[in-house]
Amino acid sequence: MGKELSFITVIGEDKKGIVAKISGLLYEQGINIEDISQKVVEGYFVMTMLVDVKDCKVPMEKLRADLESIGLQMGLKVQLQHENIFKMMHRV
């Protein structure tokens, strides 16, 4: 079976535990991180993850809500987008 790819983007003030919180949730839900890029620019944390949600244990809306909840707890903007939507929104 093929992969079902989605993007997770995280933006906000840099602090300890961001990657741990997000990746911990993904692990618990059976989601594989295919690629990750992160950078801190003048105190702001920016991360993009490409994830395979094919084996996700919960519906996408529940995963999206859980990621947004982590964002609220940590003062971050966290978004989950299917690969096709992400690519359409970020075409040059």
PDB file of N, CA and C in Angstrom:
ATOM      1  N   MET A   1       0.838  -1.185   0.000  1.00  0.00           N
ATOM      2  CA  MET A   1       0.000   0.000   0.000  1.00  0.00           C
ATOM      3  C   MET A   1       0.880   1.245   0.000  1.00  0.00           C
ATOM      4  N   GLY A   2       0.398   2.286  -0.645  1.00  0.00           N
ATOM      5  CA  GLY A   2       1.136   3.538  -0.713  1.00  0.00           C
ATOM      6  C   GLY A   2       0.995   4.361   0.549  1.00  0.00           C
ATOM      7  N   LYS A   3       1.705   5.436   0.558  1.00  0.00           N
ATOM      8  CA  LYS A   3       1.675   6.352   1.701  1.00  0.00           C
ATOM      9  C   LYS A   3       0.543   7.354   1.530  1.00  0.00           C
ATOM     10  N   GLU A   4       0.086   7.884   2.649  1.00  0.00           N
ATOM     11  CA  GLU A   4      -0.896   8.965   2.657  1.00  0.00           C
ATOM     12  C   GLU A   4      -0.233  10.133   3.381  1.00  0.00           C
ATOM     13  N   LEU A   5       0.299  11.065   2.603  1.00  0.00           N
ATOM     14  CA  LEU A   5       1.144  12.111   3.168  1.00  0.00           C
ATOM     15  C   LEU A   5       0.370  13.374   3.522  1.00  0.00           C
ATOM     16  N   SER A   6       0.777  13.965   4.629  1.00  0.00           N
ATOM     17  CA  SER A   6       0.243  15.246   5.082  1.00  0.00           C
ATOM     18  C   SER A   6       1.390  16.074   5.633  1.00  0.00           C
ATOM     19  N   PHE A   7       1.167  17.378   5.715  1.00  0.00           N
ATOM     20  CA  PHE A   7       2.148  18.298   6.280  1.00  0.00           C
ATOM     21  C   PHE A   7       1.637  18.850   7.595  1.00  0.00           C
ATOM     22  N   ILE A   8       2.541  18.960   8.546  1.00  0.00           N
ATOM     23  CA  ILE A   8       2.264  19.642   9.809  1.00  0.00           C
ATOM     24  C   ILE A   8       3.199  20.839   9.854  1.00  0.00           C
ATOM     25  N   THR A   9       2.638  22.020  10.081  1.00  0.00           N
ATOM     26  CA  THR A   9       3.461  23.215  10.236  1.00  0.00           C
ATOM     27  C   THR A   9       3.263  23.765  11.643  1.00  0.00           C
ATOM     28  N   VAL A  10       4.366  24.206  12.239  1.00  0.00           N
ATOM     29  CA  VAL A  10       4.351  24.734  13.603  1.00  0.00           C
ATOM     30  C   VAL A  10       5.120  26.052  13.597  1.00  0.00           C
ATOM     31  N   ILE A  11       4.486  27.093  14.128  1.00  0.00           N
ATOM     32  CA  ILE A  11       5.128  28.410  14.186  1.00  0.00           C
ATOM     33  C   ILE A  11       4.819  29.042  15.533  1.00  0.00           C
ATOM     34  N   GLY A  12       5.835  29.632  16.154  1.00  0.00           N
ATOM     35  CA  GLY A  12       5.613  30.341  17.407  1.00  0.00           C
ATOM     36  C   GLY A  12       6.916  30.634  18.120  1.00  0.00           C
ATOM     37  N   GLU A  13       6.786  31.198  19.296  1.00  0.00           N
ATOM     38  CA  GLU A  13       7.958  31.522  20.100  1.00  0.00           C
ATOM     39  C   GLU A  13       8.682  30.237  20.492  1.00  0.00           C
ATOM     40  N   ASP A  14      10.003  30.239  20.359  1.00  0.00           N
ATOM     41  CA  ASP A  14      10.802  29.055  20.677  1.00  0.00           C
ATOM     42  C   ASP A  14      10.753  28.755  22.164  1.00  0.00           C
ATOM     43  N   LYS A  15      10.588  27.470  22.482  1.00  0.00           N
ATOM     44  CA  LYS A  15      10.628  27.008  23.873  1.00  0.00           C
ATOM     45  C   LYS A  15      10.948  25.520  23.888  1.00  0.00           C
ATOM     46  N   LYS A  16      11.325  25.033  25.035  1.00  0.00           N
ATOM     47  CA  LYS A  16      11.670  23.619  25.185  1.00  0.00           C
ATOM     48  C   LYS A  16      10.429  22.746  25.021  1.00  0.00           C
ATOM     49  N   GLY A  17      10.621  21.575  24.404  1.00  0.00           N
ATOM     50  CA  GLY A  17       9.573  20.566  24.367  1.00  0.00           C
ATOM     51  C   GLY A  17       8.656  20.570  23.162  1.00  0.00           C
ATOM     52  N   ILE A  18       8.827  21.499  22.237  1.00  0.00           N
ATOM     53  CA  ILE A  18       7.921  21.563  21.086  1.00  0.00           C
ATOM     54  C   ILE A  18       8.002  20.280  20.258  1.00  0.00           C
ATOM     55  N   VAL A  19       9.196  19.916  19.841  1.00  0.00           N
ATOM     56  CA  VAL A  19       9.365  18.723  19.009  1.00  0.00           C
ATOM     57  C   VAL A  19       8.920  17.481  19.773  1.00  0.00           C
ATOM     58  N   ALA A  20       9.241  17.410  21.052  1.00  0.00           N
ATOM     59  CA  ALA A  20       8.861  16.254  21.869  1.00  0.00           C
ATOM     60  C   ALA A  20       7.346  16.097  21.945  1.00  0.00           C
ATOM     61  N   LYS A  21       6.631  17.193  22.168  1.00  0.00           N
ATOM     62  CA  LYS A  21       5.167  17.134  22.275  1.00  0.00           C
ATOM     63  C   LYS A  21       4.533  16.682  20.968  1.00  0.00           C
ATOM     64  N   ILE A  22       4.940  17.304  19.872  1.00  0.00           N
ATOM     65  CA  ILE A  22       4.345  16.981  18.570  1.00  0.00           C
ATOM     66  C   ILE A  22       4.702  15.554  18.160  1.00  0.00           C
ATOM     67  N   SER A  23       5.980  15.205  18.232  1.00  0.00           N
ATOM     68  CA  SER A  23       6.393  13.868  17.800  1.00  0.00           C
ATOM     69  C   SER A  23       5.839  12.786  18.720  1.00  0.00           C
ATOM     70  N   GLY A  24       5.670  13.092  20.000  1.00  0.00           N
ATOM     71  CA  GLY A  24       5.074  12.132  20.932  1.00  0.00           C
ATOM     72  C   GLY A  24       3.640  11.795  20.549  1.00  0.00           C
ATOM     73  N   LEU A  25       2.862  12.815  20.208  1.00  0.00           N
ATOM     74  CA  LEU A  25       1.484  12.585  19.765  1.00  0.00           C
ATOM     75  C   LEU A  25       1.463  11.748  18.490  1.00  0.00           C
ATOM     76  N   LEU A  26       2.330  12.079  17.552  1.00  0.00           N
ATOM     77  CA  LEU A  26       2.379  11.331  16.297  1.00  0.00           C
ATOM     78  C   LEU A  26       2.711   9.866  16.550  1.00  0.00           C
ATOM     79  N   TYR A  27       3.671   9.612  17.419  1.00  0.00           N
ATOM     80  CA  TYR A  27       4.041   8.235  17.761  1.00  0.00           C
ATOM     81  C   TYR A  27       2.852   7.482  18.357  1.00  0.00           C
ATOM     82  N   GLU A  28       2.167   8.124  19.301  1.00  0.00           N
ATOM     83  CA  GLU A  28       1.014   7.493  19.956  1.00  0.00           C
ATOM     84  C   GLU A  28      -0.079   7.127  18.958  1.00  0.00           C
ATOM     85  N   GLN A  29      -0.209   7.904  17.898  1.00  0.00           N
ATOM     86  CA  GLN A  29      -1.274   7.667  16.922  1.00  0.00           C
ATOM     87  C   GLN A  29      -0.821   6.833  15.721  1.00  0.00           C
ATOM     88  N   GLY A  30       0.405   6.301  15.760  1.00  0.00           N
ATOM     89  CA  GLY A  30       0.875   5.412  14.697  1.00  0.00           C
ATOM     90  C   GLY A  30       1.289   6.123  13.418  1.00  0.00           C
ATOM     91  N   ILE A  31       1.700   7.378  13.548  1.00  0.00           N
ATOM     92  CA  ILE A  31       2.063   8.197  12.391  1.00  0.00           C
ATOM     93  C   ILE A  31       3.579   8.255  12.253  1.00  0.00           C
ATOM     94  N   ASN A  32       4.070   8.030  11.032  1.00  0.00           N
ATOM     95  CA  ASN A  32       5.504   8.067  10.777  1.00  0.00           C
ATOM     96  C   ASN A  32       5.921   9.441  10.258  1.00  0.00           C
ATOM     97  N   ILE A  33       7.009   9.966  10.788  1.00  0.00           N
ATOM     98  CA  ILE A  33       7.586  11.217  10.295  1.00  0.00           C
ATOM     99  C   ILE A  33       8.513  10.866   9.133  1.00  0.00           C
ATOM    100  N   GLU A  34       8.155  11.322   7.946  1.00  0.00           N
ATOM    101  CA  GLU A  34       8.943  11.048   6.745  1.00  0.00           C
ATOM    102  C   GLU A  34      10.086  12.042   6.582  1.00  0.00           C
ATOM    103  N   ASP A  35       9.830  13.298   6.932  1.00  0.00           N
ATOM    104  CA  ASP A  35      10.840  14.351   6.804  1.00  0.00           C
ATOM    105  C   ASP A  35      10.494  15.458   7.790  1.00  0.00           C
ATOM    106  N   ILE A  36      11.524  16.146   8.261  1.00  0.00           N
ATOM    107  CA  ILE A  36      11.306  17.236   9.210  1.00  0.00           C
ATOM    108  C   ILE A  36      12.329  18.334   8.942  1.00  0.00           C
ATOM    109  N   SER A  37      11.859  19.564   9.004  1.00  0.00           N
ATOM    110  CA  SER A  37      12.727  20.722   8.857  1.00  0.00           C
ATOM    111  C   SER A  37      12.342  21.712   9.946  1.00  0.00           C
ATOM    112  N   GLN A  38      13.327  22.191  10.679  1.00  0.00           N
ATOM    113  CA  GLN A  38      13.029  23.163  11.730  1.00  0.00           C
ATOM    114  C   GLN A  38      14.130  24.203  11.797  1.00  0.00           C
ATOM    115  N   LYS A  39      13.737  25.376  12.254  1.00  0.00           N
ATOM    116  CA  LYS A  39      14.689  26.467  12.355  1.00  0.00           C
ATOM    117  C   LYS A  39      14.183  27.437  13.407  1.00  0.00           C
ATOM    118  N   VAL A  40      15.116  28.083  14.088  1.00  0.00           N
ATOM    119  CA  VAL A  40      14.776  29.153  15.014  1.00  0.00           C
ATOM    120  C   VAL A  40      15.349  30.439  14.430  1.00  0.00           C
ATOM    121  N   VAL A  41      14.465  31.404  14.194  1.00  0.00           N
ATOM    122  CA  VAL A  41      14.862  32.681  13.610  1.00  0.00           C
ATOM    123  C   VAL A  41      14.467  33.785  14.578  1.00  0.00           C
ATOM    124  N   GLU A  42      15.471  34.449  15.163  1.00  0.00           N
ATOM    125  CA  GLU A  42      15.250  35.549  16.105  1.00  0.00           C
ATOM    126  C   GLU A  42      14.215  35.199  17.175  1.00  0.00           C
ATOM    127  N   GLY A  43      14.348  33.996  17.721  1.00  0.00           N
ATOM    128  CA  GLY A  43      13.478  33.572  18.811  1.00  0.00           C
ATOM    129  C   GLY A  43      12.182  32.909  18.385  1.00  0.00           C
ATOM    130  N   TYR A  44      11.927  32.852  17.078  1.00  0.00           N
ATOM    131  CA  TYR A  44      10.715  32.203  16.581  1.00  0.00           C
ATOM    132  C   TYR A  44      11.046  30.826  16.028  1.00  0.00           C
ATOM    133  N   PHE A  45      10.275  29.844  16.462  1.00  0.00           N
ATOM    134  CA  PHE A  45      10.435  28.459  16.048  1.00  0.00           C
ATOM    135  C   PHE A  45       9.552  28.214  14.826  1.00  0.00           C
ATOM    136  N   VAL A  46      10.140  27.614  13.783  1.00  0.00           N
ATOM    137  CA  VAL A  46       9.393  27.263  12.580  1.00  0.00           C
ATOM    138  C   VAL A  46       9.730  25.814  12.236  1.00  0.00           C
ATOM    139  N   MET A  47       8.699  24.970  12.102  1.00  0.00           N
ATOM    140  CA  MET A  47       8.937  23.562  11.781  1.00  0.00           C
ATOM    141  C   MET A  47       7.908  23.090  10.759  1.00  0.00           C
ATOM    142  N   THR A  48       8.387  22.312   9.804  1.00  0.00           N
ATOM    143  CA  THR A  48       7.516  21.640   8.847  1.00  0.00           C
ATOM    144  C   THR A  48       7.835  20.154   8.911  1.00  0.00           C
ATOM    145  N   MET A  49       6.792  19.345   9.051  1.00  0.00           N
ATOM    146  CA  MET A  49       6.947  17.889   9.068  1.00  0.00           C
ATOM    147  C   MET A  49       6.130  17.298   7.925  1.00  0.00           C
ATOM    148  N   LEU A  50       6.721  16.364   7.215  1.00  0.00           N
ATOM    149  CA  LEU A  50       5.995  15.563   6.245  1.00  0.00           C
ATOM    150  C   LEU A  50       5.732  14.234   6.934  1.00  0.00           C
ATOM    151  N   VAL A  51       4.460  13.872   7.081  1.00  0.00           N
ATOM    152  CA  VAL A  51       4.109  12.674   7.840  1.00  0.00           C
ATOM    153  C   VAL A  51       3.239  11.740   7.007  1.00  0.00           C
ATOM    154  N   ASP A  52       3.371  10.444   7.282  1.00  0.00           N
ATOM    155  CA  ASP A  52       2.528   9.431   6.648  1.00  0.00           C
ATOM    156  C   ASP A  52       1.413   9.084   7.630  1.00  0.00           C
ATOM    157  N   VAL A  53       0.184   9.477   7.292  1.00  0.00           N
ATOM    158  CA  VAL A  53      -0.957   9.273   8.192  1.00  0.00           C
ATOM    159  C   VAL A  53      -1.761   8.020   7.843  1.00  0.00           C
ATOM    160  N   LYS A  54      -1.230   7.192   6.953  1.00  0.00           N
ATOM    161  CA  LYS A  54      -1.947   5.994   6.498  1.00  0.00           C
ATOM    162  C   LYS A  54      -2.387   5.111   7.661  1.00  0.00           C
ATOM    163  N   ASP A  55      -1.549   4.933   8.663  1.00  0.00           N
ATOM    164  CA  ASP A  55      -1.856   4.045   9.789  1.00  0.00           C
ATOM    165  C   ASP A  55      -2.339   4.794  11.025  1.00  0.00           C
ATOM    166  N   CYS A  56      -2.799   6.025  10.849  1.00  0.00           N
ATOM    167  CA  CYS A  56      -3.260   6.827  11.982  1.00  0.00           C
ATOM    168  C   CYS A  56      -4.423   6.127  12.688  1.00  0.00           C
ATOM    169  N   LYS A  57      -4.377   6.103  14.009  1.00  0.00           N
ATOM    170  CA  LYS A  57      -5.367   5.396  14.823  1.00  0.00           C
ATOM    171  C   LYS A  57      -6.646   6.188  15.055  1.00  0.00           C
ATOM    172  N   VAL A  58      -6.660   7.470  14.697  1.00  0.00           N
ATOM    173  CA  VAL A  58      -7.840   8.312  14.917  1.00  0.00           C
ATOM    174  C   VAL A  58      -8.203   9.021  13.609  1.00  0.00           C
ATOM    175  N   PRO A  59      -9.442   9.496  13.483  1.00  0.00           N
ATOM    176  CA  PRO A  59      -9.808  10.268  12.287  1.00  0.00           C
ATOM    177  C   PRO A  59      -8.967  11.545  12.181  1.00  0.00           C
ATOM    178  N   MET A  60      -8.797  12.038  10.961  1.00  0.00           N
ATOM    179  CA  MET A  60      -7.966  13.225  10.737  1.00  0.00           C
ATOM    180  C   MET A  60      -8.457  14.437  11.524  1.00  0.00           C
ATOM    181  N   GLU A  61      -9.760  14.597  11.673  1.00  0.00           N
ATOM    182  CA  GLU A  61     -10.278  15.740  12.434  1.00  0.00           C
ATOM    183  C   GLU A  61      -9.854  15.667  13.900  1.00  0.00           C
ATOM    184  N   LYS A  62      -9.808  14.467  14.462  1.00  0.00           N
ATOM    185  CA  LYS A  62      -9.353  14.288  15.851  1.00  0.00           C
ATOM    186  C   LYS A  62      -7.865  14.605  15.950  1.00  0.00           C
ATOM    187  N   LEU A  63      -7.078  14.127  14.998  1.00  0.00           N
ATOM    188  CA  LEU A  63      -5.643  14.424  14.990  1.00  0.00           C
ATOM    189  C   LEU A  63      -5.421  15.927  14.872  1.00  0.00           C
ATOM    190  N   ARG A  64      -6.155  16.563  13.960  1.00  0.00           N
ATOM    191  CA  ARG A  64      -6.044  18.015  13.777  1.00  0.00           C
ATOM    192  C   ARG A  64      -6.367  18.743  15.085  1.00  0.00           C
ATOM    193  N   ALA A  65      -7.439  18.333  15.749  1.00  0.00           N
ATOM    194  CA  ALA A  65      -7.839  18.963  17.016  1.00  0.00           C
ATOM    195  C   ALA A  65      -6.782  18.750  18.094  1.00  0.00           C
ATOM    196  N   ASP A  66      -6.203  17.551  18.154  1.00  0.00           N
ATOM    197  CA  ASP A  66      -5.164  17.267  19.153  1.00  0.00           C
ATOM    198  C   ASP A  66      -3.913  18.114  18.905  1.00  0.00           C
ATOM    199  N   LEU A  67      -3.532  18.271  17.647  1.00  0.00           N
ATOM    200  CA  LEU A  67      -2.379  19.111  17.313  1.00  0.00           C
ATOM    201  C   LEU A  67      -2.654  20.573  17.656  1.00  0.00           C
ATOM    202  N   GLU A  68      -3.853  21.041  17.335  1.00  0.00           N
ATOM    203  CA  GLU A  68      -4.212  22.424  17.659  1.00  0.00           C
ATOM    204  C   GLU A  68      -4.243  22.640  19.169  1.00  0.00           C
ATOM    205  N   SER A  69      -4.657  21.619  19.917  1.00  0.00           N
ATOM    206  CA  SER A  69      -4.672  21.699  21.379  1.00  0.00           C
ATOM    207  C   SER A  69      -3.254  21.853  21.935  1.00  0.00           C
ATOM    208  N   ILE A  70      -2.315  21.098  21.389  1.00  0.00           N
ATOM    209  CA  ILE A  70      -0.912  21.257  21.788  1.00  0.00           C
ATOM    210  C   ILE A  70      -0.463  22.683  21.486  1.00  0.00           C
ATOM    211  N   GLY A  71      -0.854  23.179  20.328  1.00  0.00           N
ATOM    212  CA  GLY A  71      -0.514  24.548  19.961  1.00  0.00           C
ATOM    213  C   GLY A  71      -1.039  25.556  20.969  1.00  0.00           C
ATOM    214  N   LEU A  72      -2.291  25.409  21.369  1.00  0.00           N
ATOM    215  CA  LEU A  72      -2.878  26.322  22.357  1.00  0.00           C
ATOM    216  C   LEU A  72      -2.136  26.252  23.686  1.00  0.00           C
ATOM    217  N   GLN A  73      -1.811  25.035  24.128  1.00  0.00           N
ATOM    218  CA  GLN A  73      -1.095  24.843  25.393  1.00  0.00           C
ATOM    219  C   GLN A  73       0.279  25.506  25.366  1.00  0.00           C
ATOM    220  N   MET A  74       0.919  25.490  24.190  1.00  0.00           N
ATOM    221  CA  MET A  74       2.297  25.969  24.092  1.00  0.00           C
ATOM    222  C   MET A  74       2.419  27.338  23.432  1.00  0.00           C
ATOM    223  N   GLY A  75       1.306  27.952  23.085  1.00  0.00           N
ATOM    224  CA  GLY A  75       1.350  29.266  22.443  1.00  0.00           C
ATOM    225  C   GLY A  75       1.872  29.220  21.021  1.00  0.00           C
ATOM    226  N   LEU A  76       1.495  28.176  20.275  1.00  0.00           N
ATOM    227  CA  LEU A  76       1.973  27.964  18.915  1.00  0.00           C
ATOM    228  C   LEU A  76       0.807  27.875  17.942  1.00  0.00           C
ATOM    229  N   LYS A  77       1.080  28.111  16.672  1.00  0.00           N
ATOM    230  CA  LYS A  77       0.114  27.859  15.607  1.00  0.00           C
ATOM    231  C   LYS A  77       0.519  26.538  14.972  1.00  0.00           C
ATOM    232  N   VAL A  78      -0.356  25.522  15.074  1.00  0.00           N
ATOM    233  CA  VAL A  78      -0.071  24.197  14.530  1.00  0.00           C
ATOM    234  C   VAL A  78      -1.161  23.859  13.514  1.00  0.00           C
ATOM    235  N   GLN A  79      -0.746  23.496  12.300  1.00  0.00           N
ATOM    236  CA  GLN A  79      -1.699  23.159  11.246  1.00  0.00           C
ATOM    237  C   GLN A  79      -1.372  21.803  10.643  1.00  0.00           C
ATOM    238  N   LEU A  80      -2.418  21.063  10.296  1.00  0.00           N
ATOM    239  CA  LEU A  80      -2.303  19.786   9.591  1.00  0.00           C
ATOM    240  C   LEU A  80      -3.001  19.943   8.250  1.00  0.00           C
ATOM    241  N   GLN A  81      -2.278  19.647   7.164  1.00  0.00           N
ATOM    242  CA  GLN A  81      -2.853  19.755   5.823  1.00  0.00           C
ATOM    243  C   GLN A  81      -2.464  18.542   4.995  1.00  0.00           C
ATOM    244  N   HIS A  82      -3.431  18.023   4.238  1.00  0.00           N
ATOM    245  CA  HIS A  82      -3.127  16.940   3.306  1.00  0.00           C
ATOM    246  C   HIS A  82      -2.100  17.450   2.295  1.00  0.00           C
ATOM    247  N   GLU A  83      -1.256  16.571   1.827  1.00  0.00           N
ATOM    248  CA  GLU A  83      -0.174  16.927   0.899  1.00  0.00           C
ATOM    249  C   GLU A  83      -0.681  17.716  -0.307  1.00  0.00           C
ATOM    250  N   ASN A  84      -1.789  17.308  -0.908  1.00  0.00           N
ATOM    251  CA  ASN A  84      -2.302  17.992  -2.102  1.00  0.00           C
ATOM    252  C   ASN A  84      -2.695  19.434  -1.804  1.00  0.00           C
ATOM    253  N   ILE A  85      -3.342  19.667  -0.677  1.00  0.00           N
ATOM    254  CA  ILE A  85      -3.745  21.020  -0.292  1.00  0.00           C
ATOM    255  C   ILE A  85      -2.513  21.876  -0.023  1.00  0.00           C
ATOM    256  N   PHE A  86      -1.553  21.319   0.714  1.00  0.00           N
ATOM    257  CA  PHE A  86      -0.322  22.052   1.021  1.00  0.00           C
ATOM    258  C   PHE A  86       0.378  22.480  -0.264  1.00  0.00           C
ATOM    259  N   LYS A  87       0.513  21.553  -1.202  1.00  0.00           N
ATOM    260  CA  LYS A  87       1.217  21.855  -2.456  1.00  0.00           C
ATOM    261  C   LYS A  87       0.481  22.917  -3.267  1.00  0.00           C
ATOM    262  N   MET A  88      -0.856  22.850  -3.305  1.00  0.00           N
ATOM    263  CA  MET A  88      -1.625  23.845  -4.053  1.00  0.00           C
ATOM    264  C   MET A  88      -1.479  25.231  -3.435  1.00  0.00           C
ATOM    265  N   MET A  89      -1.436  25.304  -2.115  1.00  0.00           N
ATOM    266  CA  MET A  89      -1.333  26.587  -1.430  1.00  0.00           C
ATOM    267  C   MET A  89       0.060  27.195  -1.529  1.00  0.00           C
ATOM    268  N   HIS A  90       1.078  26.363  -1.771  1.00  0.00           N
ATOM    269  CA  HIS A  90       2.456  26.844  -1.767  1.00  0.00           C
ATOM    270  C   HIS A  90       3.120  26.765  -3.137  1.00  0.00           C
ATOM    271  N   ARG A  91       2.307  26.735  -4.192  1.00  0.00           N
ATOM    272  CA  ARG A  91       2.874  26.751  -5.545  1.00  0.00           C
ATOM    273  C   ARG A  91       3.407  28.133  -5.861  1.00  0.00           C
ATOM    274  N   VAL A  92       4.510  28.168  -6.577  1.00  0.00           N
ATOM    275  CA  VAL A  92       5.114  29.447  -6.953  1.00  0.00           C
ATOM    276  C   VAL A  92       4.542  29.904  -8.274  1.00  0.00           C
TER     277      VAL A  92
END
